[in-house]
N, C-alpha and C. Protein backbone atom coordinates (compact mmCIF):
# COMPACT_ATOMS: atom_id res chain seq x y z
N MET A 1 -31.13 12.78 26.86
CA MET A 1 -31.57 11.95 25.80
C MET A 1 -30.48 11.31 24.98
N GLN A 2 -30.70 10.08 24.78
CA GLN A 2 -29.61 9.46 23.86
C GLN A 2 -29.83 9.75 22.31
N GLN A 3 -28.71 9.99 21.75
CA GLN A 3 -28.72 10.30 20.31
C GLN A 3 -29.20 9.07 19.47
N THR A 4 -30.13 9.33 18.37
CA THR A 4 -30.55 8.36 17.57
C THR A 4 -30.30 8.67 16.19
N TYR A 5 -30.33 7.67 15.32
CA TYR A 5 -30.13 8.06 13.88
C TYR A 5 -31.17 7.17 12.95
N THR A 6 -31.42 7.79 11.91
CA THR A 6 -32.41 7.23 10.95
C THR A 6 -31.33 6.27 9.98
N ILE A 7 -32.00 5.52 9.29
CA ILE A 7 -31.21 4.77 8.23
C ILE A 7 -30.52 5.55 7.32
N GLN A 8 -31.23 6.56 6.93
CA GLN A 8 -30.68 7.56 6.01
C GLN A 8 -29.57 8.42 6.44
N GLN A 9 -29.55 8.59 7.73
CA GLN A 9 -28.53 9.52 8.29
C GLN A 9 -27.30 8.46 8.27
N LEU A 10 -27.33 7.30 8.82
CA LEU A 10 -26.20 6.38 8.75
C LEU A 10 -25.65 6.01 7.44
N ALA A 11 -26.68 5.89 6.71
CA ALA A 11 -26.24 5.58 5.27
C ALA A 11 -25.47 6.79 4.73
N LYS A 12 -26.00 7.91 4.81
CA LYS A 12 -25.14 9.15 4.14
C LYS A 12 -23.83 9.33 4.91
N GLU A 13 -23.80 9.19 6.34
CA GLU A 13 -22.55 9.42 7.16
C GLU A 13 -21.54 8.55 6.65
N PHE A 14 -21.85 7.22 6.36
CA PHE A 14 -20.80 6.30 6.14
C PHE A 14 -20.69 5.72 4.79
N ASN A 15 -21.50 6.53 3.86
CA ASN A 15 -21.37 6.40 2.42
C ASN A 15 -21.87 4.90 2.08
N LEU A 16 -22.91 4.33 2.64
CA LEU A 16 -23.49 3.24 2.37
C LEU A 16 -24.93 3.30 1.83
N THR A 17 -25.52 2.16 1.47
CA THR A 17 -26.88 2.22 0.97
C THR A 17 -27.63 1.71 2.05
N SER A 18 -28.98 2.07 2.13
CA SER A 18 -29.86 1.61 3.10
C SER A 18 -30.05 0.05 3.00
N ARG A 19 -29.88 -0.35 1.84
CA ARG A 19 -29.92 -2.00 1.66
C ARG A 19 -28.88 -2.53 2.50
N THR A 20 -27.55 -1.91 2.38
CA THR A 20 -26.57 -2.38 3.11
C THR A 20 -27.01 -2.63 4.67
N LEU A 21 -27.38 -1.55 5.22
CA LEU A 21 -27.88 -1.37 6.59
C LEU A 21 -28.80 -2.34 6.93
N ARG A 22 -29.76 -2.61 5.97
CA ARG A 22 -30.88 -3.64 6.27
C ARG A 22 -30.18 -4.99 6.29
N PHE A 23 -29.18 -5.18 5.31
CA PHE A 23 -28.56 -6.49 5.30
C PHE A 23 -27.83 -6.85 6.53
N TYR A 24 -27.00 -5.72 7.19
CA TYR A 24 -26.40 -5.91 8.50
C TYR A 24 -27.46 -6.44 9.56
N GLU A 25 -28.49 -5.67 9.44
CA GLU A 25 -29.61 -5.94 10.35
C GLU A 25 -30.17 -7.41 10.22
N SER A 26 -30.20 -7.90 8.96
CA SER A 26 -30.73 -9.19 8.75
C SER A 26 -29.73 -10.35 9.35
N LYS A 27 -28.38 -9.86 9.25
CA LYS A 27 -27.38 -10.72 9.70
C LYS A 27 -27.08 -10.59 11.25
N ASP A 28 -28.08 -9.89 11.89
CA ASP A 28 -27.98 -9.78 13.54
C ASP A 28 -26.73 -8.85 13.79
N LEU A 29 -26.39 -8.08 13.03
CA LEU A 29 -25.12 -7.33 13.40
C LEU A 29 -25.54 -5.86 14.03
N LEU A 30 -26.64 -5.40 13.54
CA LEU A 30 -27.26 -4.19 14.07
C LEU A 30 -28.69 -4.47 14.62
N HIS A 31 -29.00 -3.65 15.64
CA HIS A 31 -30.26 -3.95 16.37
C HIS A 31 -31.12 -2.75 16.43
N PRO A 32 -31.69 -2.13 15.33
CA PRO A 32 -32.41 -0.90 15.54
C PRO A 32 -33.64 -1.29 16.02
N THR A 33 -34.24 -0.36 16.65
CA THR A 33 -35.68 -0.30 17.34
C THR A 33 -36.48 0.15 16.08
N ARG A 34 -37.94 0.13 16.36
CA ARG A 34 -38.83 0.53 15.37
C ARG A 34 -39.63 1.52 16.03
N ALA A 35 -39.92 2.60 15.14
CA ALA A 35 -40.85 3.74 15.53
C ALA A 35 -41.88 3.73 14.24
N GLY A 36 -42.96 2.99 14.41
CA GLY A 36 -43.83 2.69 13.32
C GLY A 36 -43.16 1.74 12.33
N VAL A 37 -42.92 2.17 11.08
CA VAL A 37 -42.30 1.49 9.92
C VAL A 37 -40.85 1.80 9.84
N SER A 38 -40.39 2.89 10.71
CA SER A 38 -39.00 3.36 10.41
C SER A 38 -38.03 2.70 11.37
N ARG A 39 -36.71 2.41 10.95
CA ARG A 39 -35.87 1.96 11.82
C ARG A 39 -35.17 3.01 12.53
N VAL A 40 -34.83 2.90 13.74
CA VAL A 40 -34.25 3.98 14.57
C VAL A 40 -33.01 3.34 15.25
N PHE A 41 -31.79 3.82 14.80
CA PHE A 41 -30.51 3.19 15.36
C PHE A 41 -30.08 4.09 16.32
N SER A 42 -29.49 3.44 17.56
CA SER A 42 -28.89 3.94 18.61
C SER A 42 -27.41 4.30 18.41
N HIS A 43 -26.99 5.03 19.28
CA HIS A 43 -25.47 5.39 19.37
C HIS A 43 -24.61 4.04 19.42
N ARG A 44 -25.16 3.02 20.13
CA ARG A 44 -24.64 1.70 20.10
C ARG A 44 -24.46 1.20 18.71
N ASP A 45 -25.43 1.15 17.89
CA ASP A 45 -25.66 0.79 16.62
C ASP A 45 -24.57 1.31 15.82
N ARG A 46 -24.63 2.68 15.91
CA ARG A 46 -23.57 3.50 15.12
C ARG A 46 -22.00 3.03 15.40
N GLY A 47 -21.74 2.70 16.79
CA GLY A 47 -20.61 2.23 17.09
C GLY A 47 -20.29 0.92 16.37
N ARG A 48 -21.21 0.01 16.65
CA ARG A 48 -21.12 -1.39 16.04
C ARG A 48 -20.84 -1.16 14.46
N LEU A 49 -21.60 -0.29 13.90
CA LEU A 49 -21.41 -0.01 12.37
C LEU A 49 -19.87 0.31 12.05
N ILE A 50 -19.35 1.14 12.87
CA ILE A 50 -17.80 1.54 12.62
C ILE A 50 -17.15 0.42 12.63
N LEU A 51 -17.18 -0.50 13.67
CA LEU A 51 -16.51 -1.61 13.76
C LEU A 51 -16.71 -2.74 12.84
N ILE A 52 -18.04 -2.83 12.28
CA ILE A 52 -18.20 -3.77 11.19
C ILE A 52 -17.49 -3.14 10.01
N LEU A 53 -17.54 -1.93 9.61
CA LEU A 53 -16.89 -1.44 8.48
C LEU A 53 -15.26 -1.59 8.60
N ARG A 54 -14.71 -1.34 9.75
CA ARG A 54 -13.47 -1.63 10.13
C ARG A 54 -12.96 -3.10 9.82
N GLY A 55 -13.84 -3.90 10.52
CA GLY A 55 -13.54 -5.36 10.24
C GLY A 55 -13.55 -5.75 8.83
N LYS A 56 -14.56 -5.29 8.07
CA LYS A 56 -14.76 -5.61 6.60
C LYS A 56 -13.34 -5.10 5.92
N ARG A 57 -12.94 -3.91 6.35
CA ARG A 57 -11.84 -3.38 5.63
C ARG A 57 -10.55 -4.29 5.95
N LEU A 58 -10.52 -4.81 7.10
CA LEU A 58 -9.42 -5.61 7.55
C LEU A 58 -9.35 -6.97 6.90
N GLY A 59 -10.55 -7.39 6.31
CA GLY A 59 -10.71 -8.58 5.75
C GLY A 59 -11.46 -9.75 6.58
N PHE A 60 -12.20 -9.34 7.68
CA PHE A 60 -12.74 -10.32 8.46
C PHE A 60 -14.13 -10.62 7.73
N SER A 61 -14.52 -11.74 7.88
CA SER A 61 -15.89 -12.12 7.26
C SER A 61 -17.00 -11.54 8.33
N LEU A 62 -18.23 -11.38 7.88
CA LEU A 62 -19.29 -10.95 8.76
C LEU A 62 -19.47 -11.90 9.91
N ALA A 63 -19.41 -13.13 9.71
CA ALA A 63 -19.49 -14.10 10.69
C ALA A 63 -18.43 -13.89 11.91
N GLU A 64 -17.27 -13.56 11.41
CA GLU A 64 -16.23 -13.28 12.41
C GLU A 64 -16.52 -12.06 13.23
N ILE A 65 -16.81 -11.03 12.41
CA ILE A 65 -17.25 -9.61 12.92
C ILE A 65 -18.39 -9.70 14.05
N LYS A 66 -19.25 -10.62 13.69
CA LYS A 66 -20.44 -10.80 14.66
C LYS A 66 -20.01 -11.53 15.81
N GLU A 67 -19.22 -12.45 15.64
CA GLU A 67 -18.67 -13.17 16.87
C GLU A 67 -17.97 -12.33 17.70
N MET A 68 -17.00 -11.49 17.31
CA MET A 68 -16.28 -10.62 18.18
C MET A 68 -17.27 -9.43 18.64
N LEU A 69 -18.13 -8.99 17.87
CA LEU A 69 -19.11 -7.89 18.47
C LEU A 69 -19.95 -8.56 19.52
N ASP A 70 -20.44 -9.63 19.43
CA ASP A 70 -21.39 -10.35 20.40
C ASP A 70 -20.71 -10.56 21.61
N LEU A 71 -19.46 -10.68 21.61
CA LEU A 71 -18.77 -10.98 22.96
C LEU A 71 -18.71 -9.79 23.83
N TYR A 72 -19.03 -8.61 23.35
CA TYR A 72 -19.04 -7.42 24.13
C TYR A 72 -19.87 -7.54 25.38
N ASP A 73 -20.83 -8.09 25.27
CA ASP A 73 -21.91 -8.20 26.30
C ASP A 73 -21.85 -9.70 26.94
N HIS A 74 -20.67 -10.19 27.03
CA HIS A 74 -20.47 -11.51 27.49
C HIS A 74 -20.45 -11.47 29.01
N GLY A 75 -20.29 -10.26 29.66
CA GLY A 75 -20.25 -10.09 31.14
C GLY A 75 -19.03 -10.25 31.85
N ASP A 76 -17.92 -10.28 31.07
CA ASP A 76 -16.62 -10.41 31.75
C ASP A 76 -15.72 -9.40 31.60
N GLY A 77 -16.30 -8.04 31.36
CA GLY A 77 -15.32 -6.90 31.12
C GLY A 77 -14.66 -6.81 29.79
N GLN A 78 -15.25 -7.49 28.75
CA GLN A 78 -14.68 -7.82 27.43
C GLN A 78 -13.46 -8.35 27.32
N VAL A 79 -13.21 -9.29 28.45
CA VAL A 79 -12.05 -10.02 28.46
C VAL A 79 -11.91 -11.02 27.30
N GLU A 80 -13.01 -11.80 27.19
CA GLU A 80 -13.18 -12.83 26.07
C GLU A 80 -13.23 -12.17 24.73
N GLN A 81 -13.88 -11.09 24.61
CA GLN A 81 -13.87 -10.31 23.29
C GLN A 81 -12.46 -9.84 22.89
N LEU A 82 -11.77 -9.30 23.87
CA LEU A 82 -10.33 -8.95 23.59
C LEU A 82 -9.51 -10.29 23.17
N ARG A 83 -9.62 -11.23 23.81
CA ARG A 83 -8.97 -12.41 23.45
C ARG A 83 -9.20 -12.99 22.14
N VAL A 84 -10.31 -13.01 21.88
CA VAL A 84 -10.86 -13.62 20.57
C VAL A 84 -10.49 -12.73 19.46
N THR A 85 -10.64 -11.38 19.68
CA THR A 85 -10.19 -10.40 18.56
C THR A 85 -8.74 -10.43 18.44
N LEU A 86 -8.09 -10.52 19.35
CA LEU A 86 -6.61 -10.57 19.28
C LEU A 86 -6.16 -11.79 18.63
N GLU A 87 -6.56 -12.88 18.91
CA GLU A 87 -6.38 -14.20 18.19
C GLU A 87 -6.69 -14.02 16.73
N LYS A 88 -7.88 -13.48 16.32
CA LYS A 88 -8.31 -13.43 15.01
C LYS A 88 -7.48 -12.40 14.22
N SER A 89 -7.05 -11.37 15.03
CA SER A 89 -6.19 -10.42 14.37
C SER A 89 -4.79 -10.88 14.05
N ARG A 90 -4.21 -11.61 14.93
CA ARG A 90 -2.95 -12.13 14.71
C ARG A 90 -2.95 -13.15 13.53
N ARG A 91 -4.07 -14.03 13.40
CA ARG A 91 -4.22 -14.94 12.13
C ARG A 91 -4.29 -14.09 10.95
N ARG A 92 -5.14 -13.10 10.97
CA ARG A 92 -5.31 -12.18 9.72
C ARG A 92 -4.07 -11.51 9.38
N ILE A 93 -3.13 -11.05 10.41
CA ILE A 93 -1.96 -10.54 9.96
C ILE A 93 -0.96 -11.66 9.28
N GLU A 94 -1.06 -12.89 9.72
CA GLU A 94 -0.25 -13.83 9.00
C GLU A 94 -0.86 -14.19 7.71
N GLU A 95 -2.13 -14.10 7.42
CA GLU A 95 -2.76 -14.17 6.30
C GLU A 95 -2.16 -13.19 5.27
N LEU A 96 -2.25 -12.00 5.68
CA LEU A 96 -1.97 -10.80 5.01
C LEU A 96 -0.34 -10.76 4.59
N GLU A 97 0.38 -11.21 5.57
CA GLU A 97 1.82 -11.27 5.34
C GLU A 97 2.16 -12.40 4.19
N ALA A 98 1.48 -13.38 4.36
CA ALA A 98 1.59 -14.41 3.32
C ALA A 98 1.16 -13.97 1.91
N GLN A 99 0.02 -13.11 1.84
CA GLN A 99 -0.40 -12.60 0.56
C GLN A 99 0.68 -11.83 0.01
N ARG A 100 1.26 -10.84 1.01
CA ARG A 100 2.23 -9.91 0.61
C ARG A 100 3.39 -10.55 0.02
N GLN A 101 3.81 -11.56 0.66
CA GLN A 101 4.98 -12.35 -0.05
C GLN A 101 4.81 -12.94 -1.33
N ASP A 102 3.44 -13.47 -1.58
CA ASP A 102 2.88 -13.90 -2.88
C ASP A 102 3.03 -12.85 -3.94
N ILE A 103 2.57 -11.58 -3.52
CA ILE A 103 2.39 -10.52 -4.44
C ILE A 103 3.78 -9.97 -4.78
N ASP A 104 4.73 -9.93 -3.80
CA ASP A 104 6.06 -9.64 -4.08
C ASP A 104 6.71 -10.61 -4.98
N ALA A 105 6.54 -11.78 -4.76
CA ALA A 105 7.09 -12.80 -5.75
C ALA A 105 6.56 -12.67 -7.11
N ALA A 106 5.17 -12.52 -7.13
CA ALA A 106 4.54 -12.36 -8.61
C ALA A 106 5.24 -11.11 -9.23
N VAL A 107 5.27 -10.05 -8.48
CA VAL A 107 5.80 -8.76 -9.26
C VAL A 107 7.18 -9.06 -9.54
N ALA A 108 8.06 -9.54 -8.90
CA ALA A 108 9.43 -10.04 -9.20
C ALA A 108 9.31 -10.85 -10.45
N ASP A 109 8.57 -11.82 -10.56
CA ASP A 109 8.50 -12.65 -11.70
C ASP A 109 8.13 -11.90 -13.03
N LEU A 110 7.19 -11.11 -12.79
CA LEU A 110 6.77 -10.22 -13.93
C LEU A 110 7.94 -9.25 -14.40
N HIS A 111 8.63 -8.53 -13.51
CA HIS A 111 9.77 -7.80 -13.77
C HIS A 111 10.59 -8.62 -14.62
N ASP A 112 10.98 -9.70 -14.09
CA ASP A 112 12.02 -10.60 -14.80
C ASP A 112 11.67 -11.07 -16.18
N GLY A 113 10.25 -11.38 -16.33
CA GLY A 113 9.75 -11.69 -17.51
C GLY A 113 9.73 -10.75 -18.46
N CYS A 114 9.47 -9.41 -18.11
CA CYS A 114 9.78 -8.20 -18.98
C CYS A 114 11.04 -7.97 -19.41
N LYS A 115 11.91 -8.22 -18.51
CA LYS A 115 13.33 -7.89 -18.81
C LYS A 115 13.83 -8.93 -20.11
N GLN A 116 13.32 -10.32 -19.81
CA GLN A 116 13.58 -11.29 -20.77
C GLN A 116 12.98 -10.98 -22.25
N MET A 117 11.86 -10.42 -22.21
CA MET A 117 11.14 -10.07 -23.47
C MET A 117 11.87 -9.00 -24.11
N GLU A 118 12.26 -7.94 -23.37
CA GLU A 118 13.07 -6.84 -23.82
C GLU A 118 14.28 -7.19 -24.52
N VAL A 119 14.84 -8.08 -23.86
CA VAL A 119 16.13 -8.79 -24.45
C VAL A 119 15.83 -9.23 -25.81
N LEU A 120 14.81 -10.35 -25.84
CA LEU A 120 14.40 -11.00 -27.04
C LEU A 120 13.97 -10.10 -28.01
N LEU A 121 13.33 -9.14 -27.77
CA LEU A 121 13.01 -8.01 -28.78
C LEU A 121 14.15 -7.39 -29.35
N ALA A 122 15.22 -7.13 -28.47
CA ALA A 122 16.17 -6.34 -28.91
C ALA A 122 17.15 -7.27 -29.85
N ALA A 123 17.24 -8.59 -29.41
CA ALA A 123 17.97 -9.44 -30.22
C ALA A 123 17.36 -9.56 -31.75
N LYS A 124 16.12 -9.51 -31.79
CA LYS A 124 15.39 -9.59 -33.01
C LYS A 124 15.43 -8.24 -33.88
N SER A 125 16.10 -7.26 -33.33
CA SER A 125 16.35 -5.91 -33.90
C SER A 125 15.01 -5.24 -33.86
N VAL A 126 14.20 -5.49 -32.97
CA VAL A 126 13.07 -4.57 -33.04
C VAL A 126 13.31 -3.52 -31.80
N GLY A 127 13.10 -2.32 -32.18
CA GLY A 127 13.63 -1.23 -31.31
C GLY A 127 12.69 -1.34 -30.00
N ALA A 128 13.38 -0.55 -29.02
CA ALA A 128 12.75 -0.47 -27.82
C ALA A 128 11.38 0.21 -27.87
N GLU A 129 11.27 1.08 -28.94
CA GLU A 129 9.91 1.73 -29.12
C GLU A 129 8.68 0.76 -29.30
N ALA A 130 9.02 -0.46 -30.09
CA ALA A 130 8.02 -1.29 -30.36
C ALA A 130 7.69 -2.13 -29.19
N ALA A 131 8.50 -2.24 -28.19
CA ALA A 131 8.39 -2.99 -27.05
C ALA A 131 7.52 -2.31 -26.02
N LYS A 132 7.24 -1.00 -26.23
CA LYS A 132 6.43 -0.32 -25.32
C LYS A 132 4.97 -0.16 -25.68
């Protein structure tokens, strides 16, 4: 028999709210079955949830995550899924590297600004203690 999970079990395991899981369901990312009024998540839903959370952590939009996940059943042995995911991952790497360069430049500018202000304060005979 295949392992199934309740919404509470998945929420607890992944430190999410039930509302978050229902939101992912509304976005067609998860496909629980119903047992009366209860949602029953499959092992596959749990796997998709792991990939959704990983995708979000890496900065992909839910639409991008859905596109990549939906290609799993494309019928080509996941070739298209792998191709699309690789392409999107390479673009994301480029975006993150550009952000890192921007952050490094901003940090360097802030260090330079702090040094200049320390020099100005020293020139005004205000001790280093006041600069802190």
